Amino acid sequence: MRLQEISSLMVLISACNVNADLTPQGRLGAVEGAVKAASMGGSVVGLCGETFVVLATFAEVSAELAYPIERMWRCDRTICVAAVGYARDALLAGDFAQEQCHNQRMTLGVSPTPSGIAESLTDAVATAARESRPIGAHLVVAGVGSCGPLLYSIEPSGRLSQLRAVALGRYSVPISKYLRKAPEPQDLADAKQILRDIINKAIKTANEDDSDYHTEEEPLLSSQLVFISENDYRKRTEPDFAWMTQQIDDSLLHENSDSSDHEVDLSKRNSQSSYTGDDR
């Protein structure tokens, strides 16, 4: 392992400096706590099609004037990492993935692959779980490689899974039930319909949620959406998730796009401007 990789790995691990001990029941209490932390807060939904992969994140915001928290990080031209859970750990994991992609391109002169980045992140997460404390975030790596669209899930314990669809975080239970029954999208129209159904379920769950965060007012959900194909990467951040779903049209998810590297600006509202996160 090169010195730069060791350095970035140690930065990620140094944030987790509490030893994880086995409980009398034979469990790792710190790992269970990390899994619980990753299941709270926002949500991440990933969906693979035949030639594309879509990632969406959404979460309730504490105030109308607050900027949405960044939950997605662009690592390469067709690779994205998303996370739910402890924001600081998620940010460190995103930075680590970006640095891995940068090092492979600049040092080795090769294009990083989604599977390679997922394996590097898994090694870092497993090392943190073994040597200090588990990372309190559940990670998703999405991208398009030589064999098509790929979607990986990395648990706080260091378990790596390849999936065709994934739902993590606060609203994962109702969304996962829907995804198990939903057919694999054959085209972008199918993917858009599935996303709309998922969004409606999330909003309904937020309305019915009786947790401490629930109020009588309509829940305010911030959202981010990323579409990745072989030659395209598009990202959209919008504080009003319900409004954004009405705008998921061919201007955002268009299979035959002429431009390969840009953020798409959907139809603008007169009353509110959108915040676009850093793609790095």
C-alpha atoms as a PDB file:
ATOM      1  CA  MET A   1       0.000   0.000   0.000  1.00  0.00           C
ATOM      2  CA  ARG A   2       1.413   3.397  -0.968  1.00  0.00           C
ATOM      3  CA  LEU A   3       2.235   6.072   1.594  1.00  0.00           C
ATOM      4  CA  GLN A   4      -0.576   8.361   0.410  1.00  0.00           C
ATOM      5  CA  GLU A   5      -3.139   5.592   0.801  1.00  0.00           C
ATOM      6  CA  ILE A   6      -1.859   4.757   4.284  1.00  0.00           C
ATOM      7  CA  SER A   7      -2.039   8.430   5.265  1.00  0.00           C
ATOM      8  CA  SER A   8      -5.634   8.890   4.088  1.00  0.00           C
ATOM      9  CA  LEU A   9      -6.631   5.596   5.707  1.00  0.00           C
ATOM     10  CA  MET A  10      -5.152   6.662   9.047  1.00  0.00           C
ATOM     11  CA  VAL A  11      -7.054   9.959   8.896  1.00  0.00           C
ATOM     12  CA  LEU A  12     -10.274   7.990   8.533  1.00  0.00           C
ATOM     13  CA  ILE A  13      -9.389   5.582  11.339  1.00  0.00           C
ATOM     14  CA  SER A  14      -8.053   8.267  13.695  1.00  0.00           C
ATOM     15  CA  ALA A  15     -11.552   9.736  13.949  1.00  0.00           C
ATOM     16  CA  CYS A  16     -12.650   6.445  15.550  1.00  0.00           C
ATOM     17  CA  ASN A  17     -10.434   6.049  18.606  1.00  0.00           C
ATOM     18  CA  VAL A  18     -12.622   4.060  21.000  1.00  0.00           C
ATOM     19  CA  ASN A  19     -11.957   0.356  21.410  1.00  0.00           C
ATOM     20  CA  ALA A  20     -14.812  -2.002  20.533  1.00  0.00           C
ATOM     21  CA  ASP A  21     -15.274  -4.759  23.122  1.00  0.00           C
ATOM     22  CA  LEU A  22     -17.347  -7.915  22.951  1.00  0.00           C
ATOM     23  CA  THR A  23     -20.476  -7.966  25.108  1.00  0.00           C
ATOM     24  CA  PRO A  24     -21.392 -10.968  27.302  1.00  0.00           C
ATOM     25  CA  GLN A  25     -23.862 -11.947  24.558  1.00  0.00           C
ATOM     26  CA  GLY A  26     -20.986 -12.302  22.115  1.00  0.00           C
ATOM     27  CA  ARG A  27     -21.779  -9.150  20.173  1.00  0.00           C
ATOM     28  CA  LEU A  28     -19.785  -6.083  19.295  1.00  0.00           C
ATOM     29  CA  GLY A  29     -21.640  -3.322  21.064  1.00  0.00           C
ATOM     30  CA  ALA A  30     -19.845  -0.613  19.123  1.00  0.00           C
ATOM     31  CA  VAL A  31     -20.803  -2.205  15.803  1.00  0.00           C
ATOM     32  CA  GLU A  32     -24.449  -2.452  16.827  1.00  0.00           C
ATOM     33  CA  GLY A  33     -24.352   1.184  17.899  1.00  0.00           C
ATOM     34  CA  ALA A  34     -22.840   2.186  14.570  1.00  0.00           C
ATOM     35  CA  VAL A  35     -25.547   0.284  12.685  1.00  0.00           C
ATOM     36  CA  LYS A  36     -28.216   2.042  14.743  1.00  0.00           C
ATOM     37  CA  ALA A  37     -26.626   5.432  14.064  1.00  0.00           C
ATOM     38  CA  ALA A  38     -26.558   4.681  10.345  1.00  0.00           C
ATOM     39  CA  SER A  39     -30.286   3.865  10.381  1.00  0.00           C
ATOM     40  CA  MET A  40     -31.243   7.287  11.738  1.00  0.00           C
ATOM     41  CA  GLY A  41     -31.458  10.616  10.000  1.00  0.00           C
ATOM     42  CA  GLY A  42     -31.599  10.652   6.224  1.00  0.00           C
ATOM     43  CA  SER A  43     -32.188   7.972   3.624  1.00  0.00           C
ATOM     44  CA  VAL A  44     -30.375   6.714   0.537  1.00  0.00           C
ATOM     45  CA  VAL A  45     -32.053   4.868  -2.322  1.00  0.00           C
ATOM     46  CA  GLY A  46     -30.136   3.234  -5.166  1.00  0.00           C
ATOM     47  CA  LEU A  47     -31.553   1.623  -8.281  1.00  0.00           C
ATOM     48  CA  CYS A  48     -29.825  -0.168 -11.162  1.00  0.00           C
ATOM     49  CA  GLY A  49     -31.170  -0.257 -14.699  1.00  0.00           C
ATOM     50  CA  GLU A  50     -29.796  -1.980 -17.760  1.00  0.00           C
ATOM     51  CA  THR A  51     -27.465   0.879 -18.708  1.00  0.00           C
ATOM     52  CA  PHE A  52     -27.676   3.319 -15.805  1.00  0.00           C
ATOM     53  CA  VAL A  53     -27.790   3.663 -12.029  1.00  0.00           C
ATOM     54  CA  VAL A  54     -29.762   6.220 -10.021  1.00  0.00           C
ATOM     55  CA  LEU A  55     -29.033   7.410  -6.475  1.00  0.00           C
ATOM     56  CA  ALA A  56     -31.387   9.538  -4.398  1.00  0.00           C
ATOM     57  CA  THR A  57     -30.975  10.875  -0.865  1.00  0.00           C
ATOM     58  CA  PHE A  58     -33.476  12.730   1.260  1.00  0.00           C
ATOM     59  CA  ALA A  59     -33.828  13.842   4.859  1.00  0.00           C
ATOM     60  CA  GLU A  60     -35.853  16.152   7.039  1.00  0.00           C
ATOM     61  CA  VAL A  61     -34.211  19.520   7.622  1.00  0.00           C
ATOM     62  CA  SER A  62     -34.364  21.381  10.908  1.00  0.00           C
ATOM     63  CA  ALA A  63     -35.159  24.789   9.420  1.00  0.00           C
ATOM     64  CA  GLU A  64     -36.424  26.201   6.156  1.00  0.00           C
ATOM     65  CA  LEU A  65     -33.336  28.392   5.752  1.00  0.00           C
ATOM     66  CA  ALA A  66     -30.853  25.585   6.356  1.00  0.00           C
ATOM     67  CA  TYR A  67     -28.780  24.294   3.471  1.00  0.00           C
ATOM     68  CA  PRO A  68     -29.237  20.566   2.837  1.00  0.00           C
ATOM     69  CA  ILE A  69     -26.471  18.378   4.247  1.00  0.00           C
ATOM     70  CA  GLU A  70     -24.228  16.874   1.599  1.00  0.00           C
ATOM     71  CA  ARG A  71     -24.787  13.126   1.448  1.00  0.00           C
ATOM     72  CA  MET A  72     -23.317  12.388  -1.981  1.00  0.00           C
ATOM     73  CA  TRP A  73     -19.779  12.777  -3.255  1.00  0.00           C
ATOM     74  CA  ARG A  74     -18.694  12.521  -6.837  1.00  0.00           C
ATOM     75  CA  CYS A  75     -15.483  10.510  -6.895  1.00  0.00           C
ATOM     76  CA  ASP A  76     -14.892  10.105 -10.619  1.00  0.00           C
ATOM     77  CA  ARG A  77     -16.594  10.655 -13.950  1.00  0.00           C
ATOM     78  CA  THR A  78     -19.015   7.766 -13.431  1.00  0.00           C
ATOM     79  CA  ILE A  79     -18.613   6.932  -9.717  1.00  0.00           C
ATOM     80  CA  CYS A  80     -20.562   8.340  -6.782  1.00  0.00           C
ATOM     81  CA  VAL A  81     -20.524   7.594  -3.047  1.00  0.00           C
ATOM     82  CA  ALA A  82     -23.517   8.250  -0.785  1.00  0.00           C
ATOM     83  CA  ALA A  83     -23.925   7.740   2.948  1.00  0.00           C
ATOM     84  CA  VAL A  84     -26.383   7.842   5.818  1.00  0.00           C
ATOM     85  CA  GLY A  85     -25.533   8.077   9.490  1.00  0.00           C
ATOM     86  CA  TYR A  86     -23.027  10.124  11.467  1.00  0.00           C
ATOM     87  CA  ALA A  87     -22.230  13.120   9.277  1.00  0.00           C
ATOM     88  CA  ARG A  88     -18.558  13.419  10.245  1.00  0.00           C
ATOM     89  CA  ASP A  89     -17.791   9.766   9.537  1.00  0.00           C
ATOM     90  CA  ALA A  90     -19.722   9.912   6.263  1.00  0.00           C
ATOM     91  CA  LEU A  91     -17.770  12.981   5.152  1.00  0.00           C
ATOM     92  CA  LEU A  92     -14.445  11.323   5.965  1.00  0.00           C
ATOM     93  CA  ALA A  93     -15.468   8.243   3.995  1.00  0.00           C
ATOM     94  CA  GLY A  94     -16.477  10.402   1.033  1.00  0.00           C
ATOM     95  CA  ASP A  95     -13.162  12.258   1.130  1.00  0.00           C
ATOM     96  CA  PHE A  96     -11.306   8.957   1.329  1.00  0.00           C
ATOM     97  CA  ALA A  97     -13.103   7.629  -1.765  1.00  0.00           C
ATOM     98  CA  GLN A  98     -12.380  10.829  -3.692  1.00  0.00           C
ATOM     99  CA  GLU A  99      -8.716  10.646  -2.770  1.00  0.00           C
ATOM    100  CA  GLN A 100      -8.510   7.020  -3.884  1.00  0.00           C
ATOM    101  CA  CYS A 101      -9.924   7.911  -7.299  1.00  0.00           C
ATOM    102  CA  HIS A 102      -7.592  10.892  -7.615  1.00  0.00           C
ATOM    103  CA  ASN A 103      -4.537   8.824  -6.686  1.00  0.00           C
ATOM    104  CA  GLN A 104      -5.356   6.112  -9.206  1.00  0.00           C
ATOM    105  CA  ARG A 105      -5.733   8.619 -12.021  1.00  0.00           C
ATOM    106  CA  MET A 106      -2.770  10.837 -11.171  1.00  0.00           C
ATOM    107  CA  THR A 107      -0.310   8.255  -9.832  1.00  0.00           C
ATOM    108  CA  LEU A 108      -1.128   5.091 -11.750  1.00  0.00           C
ATOM    109  CA  GLY A 109      -2.718   6.675 -14.808  1.00  0.00           C
ATOM    110  CA  VAL A 110      -5.682   4.286 -14.755  1.00  0.00           C
ATOM    111  CA  SER A 111      -9.398   4.909 -14.490  1.00  0.00           C
ATOM    112  CA  PRO A 112     -10.860   3.857 -11.130  1.00  0.00           C
ATOM    113  CA  THR A 113     -13.671   1.317 -11.139  1.00  0.00           C
ATOM    114  CA  PRO A 114     -16.743   1.186  -8.882  1.00  0.00           C
ATOM    115  CA  SER A 115     -15.732  -2.252  -7.612  1.00  0.00           C
ATOM    116  CA  GLY A 116     -12.197  -1.083  -6.806  1.00  0.00           C
ATOM    117  CA  ILE A 117     -13.421   1.954  -4.868  1.00  0.00           C
ATOM    118  CA  ALA A 118     -15.959  -0.196  -3.020  1.00  0.00           C
ATOM    119  CA  GLU A 119     -13.216  -2.629  -2.009  1.00  0.00           C
ATOM    120  CA  SER A 120     -10.942   0.199  -0.826  1.00  0.00           C
ATOM    121  CA  LEU A 121     -13.749   1.677   1.262  1.00  0.00           C
ATOM    122  CA  THR A 122     -14.590  -1.749   2.669  1.00  0.00           C
ATOM    123  CA  ASP A 123     -10.978  -2.263   3.752  1.00  0.00           C
ATOM    124  CA  ALA A 124     -10.981   1.124   5.488  1.00  0.00           C
ATOM    125  CA  VAL A 125     -14.309   0.503   7.229  1.00  0.00           C
ATOM    126  CA  ALA A 126     -13.283  -3.004   8.334  1.00  0.00           C
ATOM    127  CA  THR A 127      -9.947  -1.711   9.638  1.00  0.00           C
ATOM    128  CA  ALA A 128     -11.694   0.993  11.661  1.00  0.00           C
ATOM    129  CA  ALA A 129     -14.151  -1.552  13.090  1.00  0.00           C
ATOM    130  CA  ARG A 130     -11.289  -3.857  14.072  1.00  0.00           C
ATOM    131  CA  GLU A 131      -8.714  -1.397  15.412  1.00  0.00           C
ATOM    132  CA  SER A 132     -10.721   1.461  16.907  1.00  0.00           C
ATOM    133  CA  ARG A 133     -14.455   2.081  16.674  1.00  0.00           C
ATOM    134  CA  PRO A 134     -16.763   1.302  13.743  1.00  0.00           C
ATOM    135  CA  ILE A 135     -17.616   4.086  11.349  1.00  0.00           C
ATOM    136  CA  GLY A 136     -21.110   5.305  12.164  1.00  0.00           C
ATOM    137  CA  ALA A 137     -22.242   5.466   8.553  1.00  0.00           C
ATOM    138  CA  HIS A 138     -23.673   3.080   5.986  1.00  0.00           C
ATOM    139  CA  LEU A 139     -22.094   3.679   2.578  1.00  0.00           C
ATOM    140  CA  VAL A 140     -23.305   3.142  -0.975  1.00  0.00           C
ATOM    141  CA  VAL A 141     -21.034   3.111  -4.024  1.00  0.00           C
ATOM    142  CA  ALA A 142     -22.718   3.514  -7.401  1.00  0.00           C
ATOM    143  CA  GLY A 143     -21.210   3.696 -10.845  1.00  0.00           C
ATOM    144  CA  VAL A 144     -20.950   2.295 -14.328  1.00  0.00           C
ATOM    145  CA  GLY A 145     -18.019   0.045 -15.183  1.00  0.00           C
ATOM    146  CA  SER A 146     -16.971  -2.101 -18.105  1.00  0.00           C
ATOM    147  CA  CYS A 147     -19.566  -4.718 -17.141  1.00  0.00           C
ATOM    148  CA  GLY A 148     -22.424  -2.242 -16.750  1.00  0.00           C
ATOM    149  CA  PRO A 149     -24.081  -0.416 -13.835  1.00  0.00           C
ATOM    150  CA  LEU A 150     -22.937  -1.440 -10.355  1.00  0.00           C
ATOM    151  CA  LEU A 151     -24.319  -0.776  -6.890  1.00  0.00           C
ATOM    152  CA  TYR A 152     -22.540  -1.689  -3.647  1.00  0.00           C
ATOM    153  CA  SER A 153     -23.508  -1.418   0.009  1.00  0.00           C
ATOM    154  CA  ILE A 154     -20.883  -1.193   2.780  1.00  0.00           C
ATOM    155  CA  GLU A 155     -22.082  -1.773   6.336  1.00  0.00           C
ATOM    156  CA  PRO A 156     -20.358  -0.302   9.431  1.00  0.00           C
ATOM    157  CA  SER A 157     -19.077  -3.797  10.251  1.00  0.00           C
ATOM    158  CA  GLY A 158     -17.171  -3.894   6.947  1.00  0.00           C
ATOM    159  CA  ARG A 159     -19.526  -6.168   5.037  1.00  0.00           C
ATOM    160  CA  LEU A 160     -19.629  -5.524   1.280  1.00  0.00           C
ATOM    161  CA  SER A 161     -22.690  -6.455  -0.793  1.00  0.00           C
ATOM    162  CA  GLN A 162     -23.485  -5.997  -4.469  1.00  0.00           C
ATOM    163  CA  LEU A 163     -27.146  -5.195  -5.062  1.00  0.00           C
ATOM    164  CA  ARG A 164     -29.588  -4.331  -7.822  1.00  0.00           C
ATOM    165  CA  ALA A 165     -31.450  -1.934  -5.504  1.00  0.00           C
ATOM    166  CA  VAL A 166     -30.862  -0.619  -2.002  1.00  0.00           C
ATOM    167  CA  ALA A 167     -32.681   1.471   0.605  1.00  0.00           C
ATOM    168  CA  LEU A 168     -30.889   2.672   3.732  1.00  0.00           C
ATOM    169  CA  GLY A 169     -31.657   5.010   6.589  1.00  0.00           C
ATOM    170  CA  ARG A 170     -34.748   6.286   8.316  1.00  0.00           C
ATOM    171  CA  TYR A 171     -37.346   5.335   5.699  1.00  0.00           C
ATOM    172  CA  SER A 172     -35.649   2.130   4.582  1.00  0.00           C
ATOM    173  CA  VAL A 173     -38.322  -0.296   5.852  1.00  0.00           C
ATOM    174  CA  PRO A 174     -41.283   0.830   3.688  1.00  0.00           C
ATOM    175  CA  ILE A 175     -39.008   1.566   0.737  1.00  0.00           C
ATOM    176  CA  SER A 176     -37.318  -1.852   0.933  1.00  0.00           C
ATOM    177  CA  LYS A 177     -40.700  -3.585   0.925  1.00  0.00           C
ATOM    178  CA  TYR A 178     -41.603  -1.715  -2.237  1.00  0.00           C
ATOM    179  CA  LEU A 179     -38.271  -2.433  -3.924  1.00  0.00           C
ATOM    180  CA  ARG A 180     -38.606  -6.176  -3.321  1.00  0.00           C
ATOM    181  CA  LYS A 181     -41.809  -6.209  -5.359  1.00  0.00           C
ATOM    182  CA  ALA A 182     -40.792  -3.630  -7.953  1.00  0.00           C
ATOM    183  CA  PRO A 183     -39.554  -4.999 -11.301  1.00  0.00           C
ATOM    184  CA  GLU A 184     -36.124  -4.096 -12.573  1.00  0.00           C
ATOM    185  CA  PRO A 185     -36.441  -0.916 -14.651  1.00  0.00           C
ATOM    186  CA  GLN A 186     -36.035  -1.569 -18.345  1.00  0.00           C
ATOM    187  CA  ASP A 187     -35.734   2.094 -19.269  1.00  0.00           C
ATOM    188  CA  LEU A 188     -35.648   5.537 -17.721  1.00  0.00           C
ATOM    189  CA  ALA A 189     -39.424   5.831 -17.656  1.00  0.00           C
ATOM    190  CA  ASP A 190     -39.611   2.798 -15.349  1.00  0.00           C
ATOM    191  CA  ALA A 191     -36.915   4.245 -13.088  1.00  0.00           C
ATOM    192  CA  LYS A 192     -38.739   7.571 -12.835  1.00  0.00           C
ATOM    193  CA  GLN A 193     -41.987   5.858 -11.862  1.00  0.00           C
ATOM    194  CA  ILE A 194     -40.249   3.798  -9.185  1.00  0.00           C
ATOM    195  CA  LEU A 195     -38.603   6.923  -7.769  1.00  0.00           C
ATOM    196  CA  ARG A 196     -41.931   8.742  -7.634  1.00  0.00           C
ATOM    197  CA  ASP A 197     -43.519   5.843  -5.752  1.00  0.00           C
ATOM    198  CA  ILE A 198     -40.576   5.732  -3.337  1.00  0.00           C
ATOM    199  CA  ILE A 199     -40.810   9.461  -2.707  1.00  0.00           C
ATOM    200  CA  ASN A 200     -44.529   9.252  -1.997  1.00  0.00           C
ATOM    201  CA  LYS A 201     -43.910   6.442   0.498  1.00  0.00           C
ATOM    202  CA  ALA A 202     -41.192   8.469   2.222  1.00  0.00           C
ATOM    203  CA  ILE A 203     -43.422  11.532   2.513  1.00  0.00           C
ATOM    204  CA  LYS A 204     -46.295   9.405   3.808  1.00  0.00           C
ATOM    205  CA  THR A 205     -44.009   7.794   6.377  1.00  0.00           C
ATOM    206  CA  ALA A 206     -42.717  11.206   7.458  1.00  0.00           C
ATOM    207  CA  ASN A 207     -46.290  12.452   7.896  1.00  0.00           C
ATOM    208  CA  GLU A 208     -47.219   9.426   9.992  1.00  0.00           C
ATOM    209  CA  ASP A 209     -43.991   9.345  11.980  1.00  0.00           C
ATOM    210  CA  ASP A 210     -44.663   9.724  15.706  1.00  0.00           C
ATOM    211  CA  SER A 211     -41.030  10.280  16.661  1.00  0.00           C
ATOM    212  CA  ASP A 212     -39.723  13.288  18.551  1.00  0.00           C
ATOM    213  CA  TYR A 213     -38.997  15.035  15.280  1.00  0.00           C
ATOM    214  CA  HIS A 214     -42.600  14.898  14.104  1.00  0.00           C
ATOM    215  CA  THR A 215     -44.699  18.073  14.112  1.00  0.00           C
ATOM    216  CA  GLU A 216     -48.165  18.922  12.881  1.00  0.00           C
ATOM    217  CA  GLU A 217     -46.654  20.846   9.984  1.00  0.00           C
ATOM    218  CA  GLU A 218     -45.824  19.249   6.647  1.00  0.00           C
ATOM    219  CA  PRO A 219     -42.317  17.714   6.917  1.00  0.00           C
ATOM    220  CA  LEU A 220     -39.651  19.616   5.012  1.00  0.00           C
ATOM    221  CA  LEU A 221     -37.477  17.179   3.078  1.00  0.00           C
ATOM    222  CA  SER A 222     -34.264  18.091   1.316  1.00  0.00           C
ATOM    223  CA  SER A 223     -33.112  15.873  -1.503  1.00  0.00           C
ATOM    224  CA  GLN A 224     -30.324  15.053  -3.900  1.00  0.00           C
ATOM    225  CA  LEU A 225     -30.559  13.020  -7.073  1.00  0.00           C
ATOM    226  CA  VAL A 226     -27.729  11.581  -9.173  1.00  0.00           C
ATOM    227  CA  PHE A 227     -28.077   9.830 -12.522  1.00  0.00           C
ATOM    228  CA  ILE A 228     -25.063   7.936 -13.891  1.00  0.00           C
ATOM    229  CA  SER A 229     -24.708   6.249 -17.257  1.00  0.00           C
ATOM    230  CA  GLU A 230     -21.661   5.215 -19.244  1.00  0.00           C
ATOM    231  CA  ASN A 231     -21.079   8.715 -20.625  1.00  0.00           C
ATOM    232  CA  ASP A 232     -23.124  10.891 -18.314  1.00  0.00           C
ATOM    233  CA  TYR A 233     -23.214  12.141 -14.727  1.00  0.00           C
ATOM    234  CA  ARG A 234     -25.948  14.494 -13.558  1.00  0.00           C
ATOM    235  CA  LYS A 235     -26.722  15.798 -10.118  1.00  0.00           C
ATOM    236  CA  ARG A 236     -29.586  17.802  -8.703  1.00  0.00           C
ATOM    237  CA  THR A 237     -30.046  19.229  -5.201  1.00  0.00           C
ATOM    238  CA  GLU A 238     -33.416  20.594  -4.201  1.00  0.00           C
ATOM    239  CA  PRO A 239     -34.761  21.519  -0.730  1.00  0.00           C
ATOM    240  CA  ASP A 240     -38.332  20.588  -1.677  1.00  0.00           C
ATOM    241  CA  PHE A 241     -38.376  16.863  -2.428  1.00  0.00           C
ATOM    242  CA  ALA A 242     -42.035  16.720  -3.444  1.00  0.00           C
ATOM    243  CA  TRP A 243     -41.528  19.490  -5.987  1.00  0.00           C
ATOM    244  CA  MET A 244     -38.425  17.860  -7.395  1.00  0.00           C
ATOM    245  CA  THR A 245     -40.206  14.610  -8.113  1.00  0.00           C
ATOM    246  CA  GLN A 246     -42.646  16.432 -10.352  1.00  0.00           C
ATOM    247  CA  GLN A 247     -39.677  17.689 -12.354  1.00  0.00           C
ATOM    248  CA  ILE A 248     -38.036  14.310 -12.953  1.00  0.00           C
ATOM    249  CA  ASP A 249     -38.409  14.508 -16.697  1.00  0.00           C
ATOM    250  CA  ASP A 250     -36.242  13.915 -19.733  1.00  0.00           C
ATOM    251  CA  SER A 251     -34.328  17.151 -19.107  1.00  0.00           C
ATOM    252  CA  LEU A 252     -32.722  15.379 -16.125  1.00  0.00           C
ATOM    253  CA  LEU A 253     -32.880  11.685 -16.968  1.00  0.00           C
ATOM    254  CA  HIS A 254     -32.283  11.724 -20.700  1.00  0.00           C
ATOM    255  CA  GLU A 255     -30.635   8.672 -22.159  1.00  0.00           C
ATOM    256  CA  ASN A 256     -29.118  10.353 -25.216  1.00  0.00           C
ATOM    257  CA  SER A 257     -27.507  13.430 -23.695  1.00  0.00           C
ATOM    258  CA  ASP A 258     -24.985  15.371 -25.755  1.00  0.00           C
ATOM    259  CA  SER A 259     -23.041  16.636 -22.753  1.00  0.00           C
ATOM    260  CA  SER A 260     -21.113  14.206 -20.608  1.00  0.00           C
ATOM    261  CA  ASP A 261     -20.031  16.239 -17.612  1.00  0.00           C
ATOM    262  CA  HIS A 262     -22.369  18.824 -16.136  1.00  0.00           C
ATOM    263  CA  GLU A 263     -25.059  19.513 -13.606  1.00  0.00           C
ATOM    264  CA  VAL A 264     -28.521  19.866 -15.060  1.00  0.00           C
ATOM    265  CA  ASP A 265     -30.631  22.871 -14.145  1.00  0.00           C
ATOM    266  CA  LEU A 266     -34.294  21.912 -14.190  1.00  0.00           C
ATOM    267  CA  SER A 267     -37.078  24.441 -14.652  1.00  0.00           C
ATOM    268  CA  LYS A 268     -36.573  27.123 -12.032  1.00  0.00           C
ATOM    269  CA  ARG A 269     -39.164  28.290  -9.599  1.00  0.00           C
ATOM    270  CA  ASN A 270     -39.770  31.997  -9.226  1.00  0.00           C
ATOM    271  CA  SER A 271     -40.153  31.823  -5.473  1.00  0.00           C
ATOM    272  CA  GLN A 272     -37.142  29.730  -4.494  1.00  0.00           C
ATOM    273  CA  SER A 273     -33.725  29.024  -5.932  1.00  0.00           C
ATOM    274  CA  SER A 274     -32.039  25.676  -5.498  1.00  0.00           C
ATOM    275  CA  TYR A 275     -28.742  24.951  -3.831  1.00  0.00           C
ATOM    276  CA  THR A 276     -26.319  22.807  -5.787  1.00  0.00           C
ATOM    277  CA  GLY A 277     -23.786  20.888  -3.725  1.00  0.00           C
ATOM    278  CA  ASP A 278     -20.107  20.524  -4.489  1.00  0.00           C
ATOM    279  CA  ASP A 279     -19.438  17.705  -6.935  1.00  0.00           C
ATOM    280  CA  ARG A 280     -15.709  17.633  -6.417  1.00  0.00           C
END
